[in-house]
Amino acid sequence: MAESFSEFPSQLGPILDPLASAGSDRTRTADSPPVDGELSRPIRLEAASGADKYVISAEEQEQALRQLEEELDDATTSVERLNAALKEKDERKAHVLNELNRLREKIRDAGADSVVEKLMLLLRSVKALERQEFALKSNFDAKHAELEAEICELEAKASNDYDDKSLHDGLDHSIGTASENLHLAKKELAARLRAVLSLKRQLDDVPTPSELTQYKCRLAELNTNIGEKDRQTRKFYSTYNALLEIKELMLKEISLLNSINSQFQDAIASTAGQMKLIDSMEGILKGIKQKLEKMQVGLQADQKICDTLRERYVAAVADQRHSFTMSKALQLLFQILVYTVVHRLSESPGATCKE
């Protein structure tokens, strides 16, 4: 508050200077009347030369003091108002800063920094485009005004029977300038069109959402076809391997039968030959049993896979039947609801009109 009082010395100076001079120049005697008596009569101030006289009455002093008090109150209220406005602005600034910090934290937590940066770049580009648009509009308005002024000048010259030669020269000069400007504008337009075409090519290279959807569907179809071809290839390879094993077994069987047929008579002729034949037949039988066991193990594994696939197929069929029954039930329920709503609306037409 002391600072607010110190701001008004220039306003109080013209009023306080006469009072200060009156108090300093005036001398009181010992038997002078009291101060109240002095305030009741006018105070006369005489200068050293005696030429100028200032008379200030008590009423004028009171009026001046009242005026000073009013000005002081006005200044105090204005200072308080300014302090309150400044405090409110500080609070708003702090609130805005808190909101900005909160938004930054939310953006940081959401991981959308790149999106916000792109948005800020787009806003800057929009502002730059707006400035360019404003500059182009102002340039267009200036050129339009200049051309209108030239047209008015030419009309005035033509109406005032101006010199034909100078008029033709001016027209030729204007036409030449306009042609040059048109040529420059065409060049600039061609450059901009080339830039636009390059941007269009770049945009055409970027696939649209519909094209992306088509690519996705096509890739899904290709994936399905590749999976089907892979299954067929695996099936063909397994069939080929099985047939190859059968061929090898049949060749072994044929070679065994041929060897038995060629050596059977010689082996039967002696006891040692018979024993060797029996041992060889037992070895062949053991090999066949081992091969049979391996085939049975493979058959059991294939059977387990087949059982698993059958169970999955049964579960899928059951799910399909359940979904079909549920869809039928939902359709029936929907039809019942529609019938109920239509029946109620047909029964109460007045209520529907009020609604």
Protein backbone atom coordinates (compact mmCIF):
# COMPACT_ATOMS: atom_id res chain seq x y z
CA MET A 1 0.00 0.00 0.00
CA ALA A 2 2.93 2.32 0.69
CA GLU A 3 4.07 1.79 -2.87
CA SER A 4 0.61 2.87 -4.10
CA PHE A 5 0.78 6.09 -2.07
CA SER A 6 4.20 6.93 -3.45
CA GLU A 7 2.85 6.89 -7.00
CA PHE A 8 0.91 10.19 -6.68
CA PRO A 9 3.41 12.98 -5.84
CA SER A 10 2.68 14.79 -9.08
CA GLN A 11 -1.04 14.97 -8.28
CA LEU A 12 -0.62 16.23 -4.69
CA GLY A 13 2.18 18.69 -5.43
CA PRO A 14 0.13 21.65 -6.77
CA ILE A 15 -2.18 21.51 -3.74
CA LEU A 16 0.36 20.88 -0.96
CA ASP A 17 2.92 23.49 -2.09
CA PRO A 18 0.80 26.56 -1.07
CA LEU A 19 -0.03 24.91 2.26
CA ALA A 20 3.64 24.21 2.96
CA SER A 21 4.63 27.76 2.02
CA ALA A 22 1.85 29.15 4.20
CA GLY A 23 2.96 27.11 7.19
CA SER A 24 6.65 28.07 6.75
CA ASP A 25 6.17 31.84 6.15
CA ARG A 26 3.59 32.46 8.81
CA THR A 27 4.79 33.24 12.39
CA ARG A 28 2.70 33.05 15.49
CA THR A 29 3.04 35.23 18.57
CA ALA A 30 2.69 34.10 22.15
CA ASP A 31 -0.73 35.75 22.68
CA SER A 32 -2.20 34.64 19.38
CA PRO A 33 -5.66 33.00 19.42
CA PRO A 34 -6.02 29.24 19.18
CA VAL A 35 -5.84 27.31 15.96
CA ASP A 36 -9.63 27.01 15.65
CA GLY A 37 -9.90 30.76 15.60
CA GLU A 38 -7.25 30.94 12.97
CA LEU A 39 -9.07 28.42 10.77
CA SER A 40 -12.35 30.34 11.14
CA ARG A 41 -10.96 33.53 9.56
CA PRO A 42 -9.14 33.72 6.22
CA ILE A 43 -5.40 33.21 6.05
CA ARG A 44 -3.60 35.94 4.21
CA LEU A 45 -0.27 35.27 2.61
CA GLU A 46 1.77 38.19 1.38
CA ALA A 47 4.79 37.79 -0.86
CA ALA A 48 8.10 39.52 -0.22
CA SER A 49 7.37 42.10 -2.88
CA GLY A 50 3.79 42.65 -1.65
CA ALA A 51 2.39 42.44 -5.16
CA ASP A 52 0.77 38.95 -5.19
CA LYS A 53 -1.63 37.78 -2.49
CA TYR A 54 -3.03 34.29 -2.02
CA VAL A 55 -6.05 33.84 0.20
CA ILE A 56 -7.03 30.28 1.18
CA SER A 57 -10.04 29.82 3.40
CA ALA A 58 -10.79 26.88 5.71
CA GLU A 59 -13.58 25.66 3.45
CA GLU A 60 -11.20 25.53 0.49
CA GLN A 61 -8.70 23.62 2.63
CA GLU A 62 -11.38 21.13 3.69
CA GLN A 63 -12.54 20.79 0.08
CA ALA A 64 -8.97 20.21 -1.05
CA LEU A 65 -8.45 17.64 1.70
CA ARG A 66 -11.71 15.92 0.76
CA GLN A 67 -10.65 15.88 -2.89
CA LEU A 68 -7.30 14.43 -1.89
CA GLU A 69 -9.00 11.76 0.21
CA GLU A 70 -11.33 10.88 -2.66
CA GLU A 71 -8.41 10.67 -5.08
CA LEU A 72 -6.51 8.59 -2.54
CA ASP A 73 -9.51 6.24 -2.13
CA ASP A 74 -9.89 5.97 -5.90
CA ALA A 75 -6.19 5.24 -6.27
CA THR A 76 -6.37 2.66 -3.46
CA THR A 77 -9.39 0.92 -5.00
CA SER A 78 -7.76 0.97 -8.44
CA VAL A 79 -4.56 -0.50 -6.98
CA GLU A 80 -6.56 -3.18 -5.16
CA ARG A 81 -8.47 -3.91 -8.35
CA LEU A 82 -5.24 -4.17 -10.31
CA ASN A 83 -3.73 -6.44 -7.65
CA ALA A 84 -6.83 -8.65 -7.73
CA ALA A 85 -6.72 -8.80 -11.54
CA LEU A 86 -3.01 -9.61 -11.44
CA LYS A 87 -3.62 -12.33 -8.86
CA GLU A 88 -6.44 -13.77 -10.97
CA LYS A 89 -4.19 -13.76 -14.04
CA ASP A 90 -1.47 -15.52 -12.06
CA GLU A 91 -3.97 -18.15 -10.91
CA ARG A 92 -5.18 -18.65 -14.48
CA LYS A 93 -1.61 -18.94 -15.68
CA ALA A 94 -0.82 -21.53 -13.00
CA HIS A 95 -4.02 -23.44 -13.87
CA VAL A 96 -3.15 -23.41 -17.59
CA LEU A 97 0.40 -24.57 -16.84
CA ASN A 98 -0.95 -27.40 -14.67
CA GLU A 99 -3.34 -28.44 -17.43
CA LEU A 100 -0.49 -28.40 -19.97
CA ASN A 101 1.69 -30.52 -17.70
CA ARG A 102 -1.20 -32.96 -17.16
CA LEU A 103 -1.81 -33.20 -20.90
CA ARG A 104 1.90 -33.80 -21.52
CA GLU A 105 1.89 -36.57 -18.92
CA LYS A 106 -1.20 -38.16 -20.49
CA ILE A 107 0.39 -37.99 -23.93
CA ARG A 108 3.61 -39.46 -22.58
CA ASP A 109 1.74 -42.25 -20.77
CA ALA A 110 -0.35 -43.05 -23.83
CA GLY A 111 2.74 -43.18 -26.02
CA ALA A 112 1.25 -40.75 -28.53
CA ASP A 113 4.25 -38.43 -28.76
CA SER A 114 4.74 -39.15 -32.45
CA VAL A 115 1.05 -38.51 -33.17
CA VAL A 116 1.13 -35.22 -31.28
CA GLU A 117 4.29 -34.18 -33.11
CA LYS A 118 2.64 -35.00 -36.43
CA LEU A 119 -0.42 -33.00 -35.34
CA MET A 120 1.75 -30.03 -34.40
CA LEU A 121 3.55 -30.25 -37.75
CA LEU A 122 0.19 -30.34 -39.52
CA LEU A 123 -1.01 -27.32 -37.54
CA ARG A 124 2.15 -25.43 -38.45
CA SER A 125 1.69 -26.37 -42.10
CA VAL A 126 -1.95 -25.22 -41.93
CA LYS A 127 -0.87 -21.89 -40.45
CA ALA A 128 1.81 -21.54 -43.13
CA LEU A 129 -0.79 -22.29 -45.81
CA GLU A 130 -3.13 -19.72 -44.28
CA ARG A 131 -0.35 -17.13 -44.36
CA GLN A 132 0.37 -18.01 -47.98
CA GLU A 133 -3.33 -17.73 -48.78
CA PHE A 134 -3.49 -14.32 -47.10
CA ALA A 135 -0.40 -13.16 -49.01
CA LEU A 136 -1.86 -14.44 -52.29
CA LYS A 137 -5.18 -12.74 -51.59
CA SER A 138 -3.48 -9.45 -50.76
CA ASN A 139 -1.33 -9.73 -53.89
CA PHE A 140 -4.40 -10.53 -55.94
CA ASP A 141 -6.28 -7.56 -54.49
CA ALA A 142 -3.33 -5.26 -55.19
CA LYS A 143 -3.04 -6.48 -58.78
CA HIS A 144 -6.80 -6.22 -59.22
CA ALA A 145 -6.79 -2.64 -57.96
CA GLU A 146 -3.83 -1.79 -60.19
CA LEU A 147 -5.55 -3.25 -63.25
CA GLU A 148 -8.77 -1.41 -62.44
CA ALA A 149 -6.82 1.83 -62.11
CA GLU A 150 -5.17 1.23 -65.48
CA ILE A 151 -8.55 0.46 -67.06
CA CYS A 152 -10.05 3.63 -65.61
CA GLU A 153 -7.06 5.62 -66.82
CA LEU A 154 -7.38 4.17 -70.32
CA GLU A 155 -11.12 4.86 -70.37
CA ALA A 156 -10.48 8.42 -69.26
CA LYS A 157 -7.87 8.88 -71.96
CA ALA A 158 -10.17 7.39 -74.60
CA SER A 159 -13.11 9.58 -73.53
CA ASN A 160 -11.01 12.79 -73.44
CA ASP A 161 -9.82 12.36 -77.05
CA TYR A 162 -6.29 11.71 -75.96
CA ASP A 163 -3.51 11.51 -78.54
CA ASP A 164 -3.99 8.31 -80.55
CA LYS A 165 -0.29 7.65 -80.91
CA SER A 166 0.50 7.96 -77.23
CA LEU A 167 -2.65 5.98 -76.43
CA HIS A 168 -1.58 3.20 -78.78
CA ASP A 169 1.92 3.28 -77.34
CA GLY A 170 0.55 3.00 -73.83
CA LEU A 171 -1.72 0.16 -74.86
CA ASP A 172 1.16 -1.64 -76.56
CA HIS A 173 3.31 -1.20 -73.48
CA SER A 174 0.50 -2.48 -71.23
CA ILE A 175 -0.14 -5.43 -73.55
CA GLY A 176 3.57 -6.28 -73.64
CA THR A 177 3.83 -6.11 -69.85
CA ALA A 178 0.69 -8.21 -69.50
CA SER A 179 2.07 -10.75 -72.00
CA GLU A 180 5.31 -11.02 -70.06
CA ASN A 181 3.40 -11.45 -66.81
CA LEU A 182 1.20 -14.06 -68.47
CA HIS A 183 4.25 -15.92 -69.75
CA LEU A 184 5.83 -15.89 -66.29
CA ALA A 185 2.55 -17.01 -64.73
CA LYS A 186 2.30 -19.86 -67.25
CA LYS A 187 5.83 -20.94 -66.37
CA GLU A 188 5.05 -20.86 -62.67
CA LEU A 189 1.78 -22.72 -63.28
CA ALA A 190 3.60 -25.39 -65.31
CA ALA A 191 6.16 -25.86 -62.53
CA ARG A 192 3.40 -26.15 -59.95
CA LEU A 193 1.50 -28.59 -62.15
CA ARG A 194 4.61 -30.74 -62.45
CA ALA A 195 5.00 -30.69 -58.68
CA VAL A 196 1.32 -31.58 -58.28
CA LEU A 197 1.64 -34.44 -60.76
CA SER A 198 4.68 -35.81 -58.94
CA LEU A 199 2.77 -35.65 -55.67
CA LYS A 200 -0.19 -37.39 -57.32
CA ARG A 201 2.10 -40.16 -58.53
CA GLN A 202 3.47 -40.56 -55.02
CA LEU A 203 -0.07 -40.65 -53.65
CA ASP A 204 -1.08 -43.20 -56.28
CA ASP A 205 1.83 -45.37 -55.20
CA VAL A 206 0.42 -45.40 -51.67
CA PRO A 207 -2.33 -48.06 -51.48
CA THR A 208 -5.80 -46.98 -50.44
CA PRO A 209 -7.73 -48.73 -47.65
CA SER A 210 -9.86 -50.60 -50.21
CA GLU A 211 -6.72 -51.75 -52.02
CA LEU A 212 -5.19 -52.81 -48.71
CA THR A 213 -8.35 -54.79 -47.97
CA GLN A 214 -8.15 -56.45 -51.39
CA TYR A 215 -4.46 -57.24 -50.86
CA LYS A 216 -5.29 -58.71 -47.46
CA CYS A 217 -8.05 -60.91 -48.90
CA ARG A 218 -5.81 -62.00 -51.76
CA LEU A 219 -2.97 -62.84 -49.36
CA ALA A 220 -5.39 -64.83 -47.22
CA GLU A 221 -6.54 -66.75 -50.31
CA LEU A 222 -2.93 -67.37 -51.36
CA ASN A 223 -2.11 -68.56 -47.85
CA THR A 224 -5.06 -70.96 -47.96
CA ASN A 225 -4.03 -72.24 -51.39
CA ILE A 226 -0.42 -72.66 -50.25
CA GLY A 227 -1.59 -74.60 -47.19
CA GLU A 228 -3.77 -76.84 -49.34
CA LYS A 229 -0.91 -77.45 -51.78
CA ASP A 230 1.40 -78.20 -48.86
CA ARG A 231 -1.04 -80.76 -47.46
CA GLN A 232 -1.41 -82.37 -50.89
CA THR A 233 2.38 -82.45 -51.33
CA ARG A 234 2.84 -84.06 -47.92
CA LYS A 235 0.17 -86.62 -48.79
CA PHE A 236 1.82 -87.40 -52.13
CA TYR A 237 5.24 -87.73 -50.49
CA SER A 238 3.88 -90.07 -47.82
CA THR A 239 2.15 -92.15 -50.52
CA TYR A 240 5.37 -92.24 -52.55
CA ASN A 241 7.40 -93.32 -49.52
CA ALA A 242 4.87 -96.05 -48.70
CA LEU A 243 4.89 -97.33 -52.28
CA LEU A 244 8.69 -97.20 -52.30
CA GLU A 245 8.81 -99.31 -49.14
CA ILE A 246 6.32 -101.76 -50.67
CA LYS A 247 8.48 -101.96 -53.77
CA GLU A 248 11.59 -102.66 -51.71
CA LEU A 249 9.76 -105.34 -49.75
CA MET A 250 8.45 -106.95 -52.91
CA LEU A 251 11.94 -106.92 -54.45
CA LYS A 252 13.37 -108.51 -51.32
CA GLU A 253 10.60 -111.08 -51.36
CA ILE A 254 11.23 -111.89 -55.03
CA SER A 255 14.99 -112.18 -54.48
CA LEU A 256 14.37 -114.40 -51.46
CA LEU A 257 12.01 -116.64 -53.38
CA ASN A 258 14.46 -116.85 -56.27
CA SER A 259 17.32 -117.79 -53.95
CA ILE A 260 15.16 -120.36 -52.19
CA ASN A 261 14.03 -121.79 -55.52
CA SER A 262 17.58 -122.03 -56.82
CA GLN A 263 19.10 -123.55 -53.68
CA PHE A 264 16.19 -125.59 -52.35
CA GLN A 265 17.13 -128.90 -54.04
CA ASP A 266 20.80 -128.68 -52.97
CA ALA A 267 19.85 -127.72 -49.38
CA ILE A 268 17.43 -130.62 -48.99
CA ALA A 269 20.01 -133.19 -50.22
CA SER A 270 22.11 -133.00 -47.01
CA THR A 271 21.38 -132.52 -43.32
CA ALA A 272 23.77 -129.55 -43.01
CA GLY A 273 22.07 -127.88 -45.93
CA GLN A 274 18.70 -128.41 -44.29
CA MET A 275 19.95 -126.80 -41.04
CA LYS A 276 21.37 -123.83 -42.95
CA LEU A 277 18.07 -123.44 -44.78
CA ILE A 278 16.16 -123.52 -41.51
CA ASP A 279 18.52 -120.93 -39.94
CA SER A 280 18.22 -118.66 -42.93
CA MET A 281 14.44 -118.95 -42.88
CA GLU A 282 14.40 -118.13 -39.13
CA GLY A 283 16.58 -115.03 -39.78
CA ILE A 284 14.23 -113.96 -42.54
CA LEU A 285 11.28 -114.49 -40.18
CA LYS A 286 12.94 -112.36 -37.47
CA GLY A 287 13.58 -109.55 -39.95
CA ILE A 288 9.99 -109.72 -41.12
CA LYS A 289 8.75 -109.58 -37.50
CA GLN A 290 10.95 -106.55 -36.75
CA LYS A 291 9.69 -104.83 -39.86
CA LEU A 292 6.14 -105.69 -38.88
CA GLU A 293 6.68 -104.25 -35.40
CA LYS A 294 7.99 -101.01 -36.89
CA MET A 295 5.03 -100.82 -39.21
CA GLN A 296 2.66 -101.46 -36.31
CA VAL A 297 4.30 -98.66 -34.29
CA GLY A 298 3.86 -96.28 -37.22
CA LEU A 299 0.31 -97.50 -37.68
CA GLN A 300 -0.47 -96.86 -34.01
CA ALA A 301 0.95 -93.32 -34.25
CA ASP A 302 -1.13 -92.66 -37.35
CA GLN A 303 -4.15 -94.15 -35.58
CA LYS A 304 -3.64 -91.78 -32.62
CA ILE A 305 -3.42 -88.83 -34.98
CA CYS A 306 -6.53 -90.03 -36.77
CA ASP A 307 -8.39 -90.41 -33.46
CA THR A 308 -7.34 -86.90 -32.39
CA LEU A 309 -8.51 -85.45 -35.68
CA ARG A 310 -11.77 -87.38 -35.41
CA GLU A 311 -12.36 -86.01 -31.91
CA ARG A 312 -11.64 -82.48 -33.09
CA TYR A 313 -13.99 -82.99 -36.01
CA VAL A 314 -16.74 -84.26 -33.71
CA ALA A 315 -16.22 -81.26 -31.37
CA ALA A 316 -16.33 -78.86 -34.33
CA VAL A 317 -19.52 -80.47 -35.63
CA ALA A 318 -21.07 -80.20 -32.15
CA ASP A 319 -20.08 -76.53 -31.92
CA GLN A 320 -21.52 -75.90 -35.36
CA ARG A 321 -24.79 -77.57 -34.41
CA HIS A 322 -24.92 -75.60 -31.16
CA SER A 323 -24.28 -72.32 -32.97
CA PHE A 324 -26.92 -73.21 -35.56
CA THR A 325 -29.50 -73.96 -32.87
CA MET A 326 -28.58 -70.74 -31.02
CA SER A 327 -28.91 -68.69 -34.21
CA LYS A 328 -32.29 -70.27 -34.88
CA ALA A 329 -33.40 -69.49 -31.33
CA LEU A 330 -32.20 -65.88 -31.66
CA GLN A 331 -34.02 -65.49 -34.97
CA LEU A 332 -37.20 -66.86 -33.42
CA LEU A 333 -36.83 -64.55 -30.40
CA PHE A 334 -36.26 -61.57 -32.68
CA GLN A 335 -39.37 -62.44 -34.70
CA ILE A 336 -41.39 -62.73 -31.48
CA LEU A 337 -40.11 -59.34 -30.28
CA VAL A 338 -40.90 -57.70 -33.62
CA TYR A 339 -44.38 -59.20 -33.61
CA THR A 340 -44.95 -58.02 -30.03
CA VAL A 341 -43.80 -54.47 -30.78
CA VAL A 342 -45.92 -54.26 -33.93
CA HIS A 343 -48.93 -55.63 -32.05
CA ARG A 344 -48.55 -53.09 -29.25
CA LEU A 345 -48.11 -50.23 -31.69
CA SER A 346 -51.21 -51.30 -33.60
CA GLU A 347 -53.21 -51.52 -30.34
CA SER A 348 -52.24 -48.03 -29.08
CA PRO A 349 -52.04 -45.57 -32.01
CA GLY A 350 -53.02 -42.59 -29.83
CA ALA A 351 -50.12 -43.16 -27.48
CA THR A 352 -47.68 -43.29 -30.37
CA CYS A 353 -49.09 -40.03 -31.74
CA LYS A 354 -48.66 -38.35 -28.35
CA GLU A 355 -45.15 -39.61 -28.12
